[in-house]
Protein backbone atom coordinates (compact mmCIF):
# COMPACT_ATOMS: atom_id res chain seq x y z
CA MET A 1 31.14 26.50 43.74
CA ALA A 2 29.80 29.88 44.80
CA LYS A 3 32.29 32.73 45.11
CA TYR A 4 31.81 35.11 48.01
CA SER A 5 33.15 38.62 48.40
CA LYS A 6 35.74 39.49 51.02
CA ARG A 7 33.12 41.50 52.91
CA TYR A 8 30.72 38.51 52.92
CA LYS A 9 33.45 36.19 54.25
CA GLN A 10 34.32 38.67 56.97
CA ALA A 11 30.66 38.89 57.96
CA ARG A 12 30.47 35.09 58.23
CA GLU A 13 33.31 35.19 60.74
CA THR A 14 31.37 37.42 63.14
CA PHE A 15 29.08 34.59 64.26
CA ASP A 16 28.90 30.80 64.44
CA SER A 17 26.85 29.63 61.44
CA SER A 18 26.32 26.22 63.07
CA LEU A 19 24.29 27.78 65.89
CA SER A 20 20.74 29.10 66.10
CA TYR A 21 20.36 32.46 67.81
CA GLU A 22 17.54 34.12 69.69
CA PRO A 23 15.70 36.65 67.46
CA GLU A 24 17.11 39.66 69.31
CA GLU A 25 20.69 38.46 68.84
CA ALA A 26 20.15 37.42 65.22
CA ILE A 27 18.83 40.91 64.40
CA LYS A 28 21.91 42.53 65.96
CA ILE A 29 24.20 40.28 63.92
CA VAL A 30 22.37 40.92 60.65
CA ARG A 31 22.28 44.69 61.16
CA SER A 32 25.95 44.88 62.11
CA ASN A 33 26.88 43.02 58.91
CA ALA A 34 24.70 45.15 56.63
CA THR A 35 27.57 47.37 55.49
CA ALA A 36 26.69 47.95 51.83
CA LYS A 37 26.55 51.51 50.49
CA PHE A 38 22.74 51.33 50.37
CA ASP A 39 20.09 50.61 53.00
CA GLU A 40 19.90 46.83 52.85
CA THR A 41 16.57 45.01 53.11
CA VAL A 42 16.12 42.55 55.99
CA GLU A 43 14.34 39.31 55.10
CA VAL A 44 12.99 36.27 56.93
CA HIS A 45 13.01 32.81 55.32
CA LEU A 46 10.80 30.19 56.99
CA ARG A 47 10.98 26.52 56.00
CA LEU A 48 7.72 24.82 56.98
CA GLY A 49 6.90 21.19 57.64
CA VAL A 50 4.11 21.06 55.06
CA ASP A 51 3.84 19.97 51.44
CA SER A 52 2.80 22.77 49.08
CA ARG A 53 1.77 20.19 46.45
CA HIS A 54 -1.34 19.45 48.52
CA ALA A 55 -4.18 21.99 48.53
CA ASP A 56 -4.98 21.32 52.19
CA GLN A 57 -1.41 22.19 53.24
CA GLN A 58 -1.12 25.59 51.58
CA VAL A 59 -0.01 28.47 53.78
CA ARG A 60 -0.93 31.91 52.51
CA GLY A 61 -2.09 35.17 54.01
CA SER A 62 -1.22 38.75 54.72
CA VAL A 63 -0.31 40.87 57.71
CA VAL A 64 0.32 44.55 58.37
CA LEU A 65 3.77 45.01 59.88
CA PRO A 66 3.62 47.53 62.75
CA HIS A 67 6.59 49.50 61.41
CA GLY A 68 6.13 48.90 57.70
CA THR A 69 8.82 47.57 55.37
CA GLY A 70 10.72 50.76 54.70
CA ARG A 71 9.78 50.52 51.04
CA ASP A 72 7.70 52.86 48.93
CA VAL A 73 4.97 50.54 47.69
CA ARG A 74 3.52 51.29 44.24
CA VAL A 75 -0.07 50.06 44.05
CA LEU A 76 -2.04 49.11 40.95
CA VAL A 77 -5.82 48.76 41.32
CA PHE A 78 -8.11 47.07 38.83
CA ALA A 79 -11.49 48.76 39.18
CA LYS A 80 -14.23 49.92 36.85
CA GLU A 81 -14.64 53.63 36.25
CA GLY A 82 -16.76 55.11 39.00
CA PRO A 83 -16.80 55.19 42.82
CA LYS A 84 -14.31 52.34 43.38
CA ALA A 85 -11.78 53.77 40.94
CA GLU A 86 -12.06 57.20 42.58
CA GLU A 87 -11.75 55.57 46.00
CA ALA A 88 -8.49 53.90 44.92
CA LYS A 89 -7.05 57.15 43.58
CA ALA A 90 -7.99 59.05 46.73
CA ALA A 91 -6.29 56.38 48.88
CA GLY A 92 -3.04 56.87 46.98
CA ALA A 93 -2.96 54.14 44.32
CA GLU A 94 -0.44 54.99 41.60
CA TYR A 95 -2.33 53.20 38.82
CA VAL A 96 -6.07 52.58 38.48
CA GLY A 97 -7.80 51.06 35.46
CA GLY A 98 -9.06 47.96 33.71
CA GLN A 99 -8.48 46.30 30.34
CA GLU A 100 -6.00 48.99 29.27
CA LEU A 101 -3.67 48.02 32.13
CA VAL A 102 -4.01 44.33 31.27
CA ASP A 103 -2.99 45.16 27.69
CA LYS A 104 -0.03 47.22 28.90
CA ILE A 105 1.22 44.33 31.05
CA GLN A 106 0.74 41.79 28.25
CA LYS A 107 2.12 43.81 25.36
CA GLU A 108 4.79 45.94 27.02
CA ASN A 109 5.92 43.62 29.83
CA TRP A 110 5.13 46.52 32.18
CA PHE A 111 5.74 45.95 35.88
CA GLU A 112 6.25 49.34 37.49
CA PHE A 113 4.18 48.37 40.53
CA ASP A 114 4.67 46.33 43.69
CA ARG A 115 1.13 45.35 44.70
CA VAL A 116 -2.01 44.54 42.74
CA ILE A 117 -5.51 44.97 44.16
CA ALA A 118 -8.75 44.20 42.33
CA THR A 119 -12.45 44.52 42.96
CA PRO A 120 -14.29 41.18 42.63
CA ASP A 121 -16.09 42.25 39.45
CA MET A 122 -12.72 42.77 37.73
CA MET A 123 -11.32 39.29 38.35
CA GLY A 124 -12.61 38.01 35.01
CA VAL A 125 -10.36 40.58 33.32
CA VAL A 126 -7.41 40.13 35.69
CA GLY A 127 -7.59 36.35 35.33
CA ARG A 128 -6.37 36.69 31.75
CA ILE A 129 -2.93 37.64 33.03
CA GLY A 130 -2.88 35.21 35.94
CA ARG A 131 -0.01 33.28 34.37
CA ILE A 132 2.00 36.49 34.22
CA LEU A 133 1.17 37.90 37.65
CA GLY A 134 1.14 34.57 39.52
CA PRO A 135 4.85 33.65 39.28
CA LYS A 136 5.76 37.16 40.43
CA GLY A 137 3.53 36.88 43.49
CA LEU A 138 1.33 39.73 42.24
CA MET A 139 -1.94 37.95 41.46
CA PRO A 140 -4.79 39.35 43.61
CA ASN A 141 -6.21 36.83 46.05
CA PRO A 142 -9.14 37.00 48.52
CA LYS A 143 -7.09 35.29 51.26
CA ALA A 144 -4.50 38.02 51.03
CA GLY A 145 -7.15 40.74 51.08
CA THR A 146 -6.22 41.95 47.59
CA VAL A 147 -9.55 40.99 46.02
CA THR A 148 -11.97 43.27 47.81
CA ASN A 149 -14.65 45.92 47.46
CA ASP A 150 -13.07 47.85 50.32
CA VAL A 151 -10.49 49.36 48.01
CA GLU A 152 -9.60 52.30 50.20
CA VAL A 153 -8.59 50.13 53.15
CA ALA A 154 -6.65 47.72 50.93
CA VAL A 155 -4.63 50.52 49.33
CA ARG A 156 -3.91 52.24 52.62
CA GLU A 157 -2.79 48.96 54.24
CA ALA A 158 -0.51 48.21 51.29
CA LYS A 159 1.04 51.65 51.62
CA ALA A 160 1.39 51.24 55.40
CA GLY A 161 3.37 48.01 55.16
CA LYS A 162 0.98 45.13 54.59
CA ILE A 163 2.88 42.14 53.25
CA GLU A 164 1.77 38.84 51.76
CA TYR A 165 3.28 35.52 52.70
CA ARG A 166 2.94 32.28 50.78
CA LEU A 167 4.75 28.99 50.35
CA ASP A 168 6.99 28.53 47.35
CA ARG A 169 7.52 25.16 45.69
CA THR A 170 10.23 24.25 48.19
CA ASN A 171 7.90 24.90 51.16
CA ILE A 172 9.68 28.11 52.15
CA ILE A 173 8.14 31.51 52.90
CA HIS A 174 10.28 34.52 52.00
CA CYS A 175 9.27 37.89 53.50
CA VAL A 176 10.72 41.36 53.92
CA ILE A 177 10.44 42.69 57.49
CA GLY A 178 12.19 46.04 57.14
CA LYS A 179 15.47 47.78 56.46
CA ALA A 180 18.87 47.55 58.13
CA SER A 181 18.39 51.20 59.14
CA PHE A 182 15.48 50.18 61.38
CA ASP A 183 16.42 49.85 65.04
CA ASP A 184 16.46 46.43 66.69
CA GLU A 185 13.11 46.92 68.40
CA LYS A 186 11.24 47.75 65.19
CA LEU A 187 12.69 44.75 63.36
CA LEU A 188 11.85 42.50 66.31
CA ASP A 189 8.25 43.77 66.38
CA ASN A 190 7.90 43.13 62.63
CA TYR A 191 9.49 39.68 62.93
CA ASN A 192 7.18 38.64 65.79
CA THR A 193 4.12 39.95 63.92
CA LEU A 194 5.01 37.91 60.83
CA LEU A 195 5.79 34.76 62.82
CA GLU A 196 2.50 34.96 64.73
CA ALA A 197 0.58 35.35 61.47
CA VAL A 198 2.28 32.33 59.89
CA ILE A 199 1.61 30.24 63.00
CA ARG A 200 -2.08 31.24 62.92
CA SER A 201 -2.18 30.08 59.29
CA LYS A 202 -1.06 26.55 60.16
CA PRO A 203 -3.16 24.11 58.09
CA ALA A 204 -5.16 21.50 59.97
CA ALA A 205 -3.55 18.87 57.73
CA ALA A 206 -0.01 19.82 58.84
CA LYS A 207 1.64 17.07 60.85
CA GLY A 208 4.77 17.08 62.96
CA ARG A 209 7.00 20.09 63.40
CA TYR A 210 5.44 23.07 61.64
CA ILE A 211 8.36 25.52 61.49
CA ARG A 212 11.41 23.51 60.49
CA SER A 213 13.88 26.40 60.29
CA CYS A 214 14.07 30.18 60.23
CA THR A 215 16.83 32.32 58.74
CA LEU A 216 17.31 36.07 58.93
CA THR A 217 19.42 37.86 56.35
CA SER A 218 20.10 41.21 54.74
CA THR A 219 20.40 41.87 51.01
CA MET A 220 24.18 41.40 50.84
CA GLY A 221 24.82 39.60 54.11
CA PRO A 222 24.97 35.95 55.22
CA GLY A 223 21.97 34.22 56.74
CA VAL A 224 21.70 33.83 60.50
CA ARG A 225 19.64 30.97 61.85
CA ILE A 226 17.00 31.81 64.46
CA ASN A 227 15.90 29.54 67.27
CA VAL A 228 12.10 29.28 66.93
């Protein structure tokens, strides 16, 4: 049985966990309970009425949050030496390279980056570490806009707060929408932007209720159910 801290238990007592709240109220509850000594991350967890085992029911995409995530995003770009590599560096990418970065990831278990972008002509190289990047949600993908020749835009969007969303094996999408230090309005804007993007990504093969449940939580706080 899970053991919860005194602070967590006190936070649970500030709202009725059997109820679903409007987004505005849920955000207020989550922020008021984010009392850790660091700036807690605010996350949304969406359970969808699809089956991720079927290719025609996958839900995946990306969206730029209007107020960013509050995180400093470290970007790695796979690009051949030349204009695209220079473009990536000028846009602010922390790491730019090719096979040498693949070797570093394979041999040194190096993961000092948060987003991976690749030009299409580098995917043959990047594919060799697909089994390493994939489980961490870092594998570049055209649907997410991280396999592209427009490297400058991709890097700048990543830095500005572009996030990826995708189903996990339990048909849940987990996404960061900001920090507890954000005001209510910014978190609400980011939440609505994410929800609209996920709804637009609804597969044609999805039947019945699409969004089964939605929970908002902070890093150390309890989850608050949202009425969607």
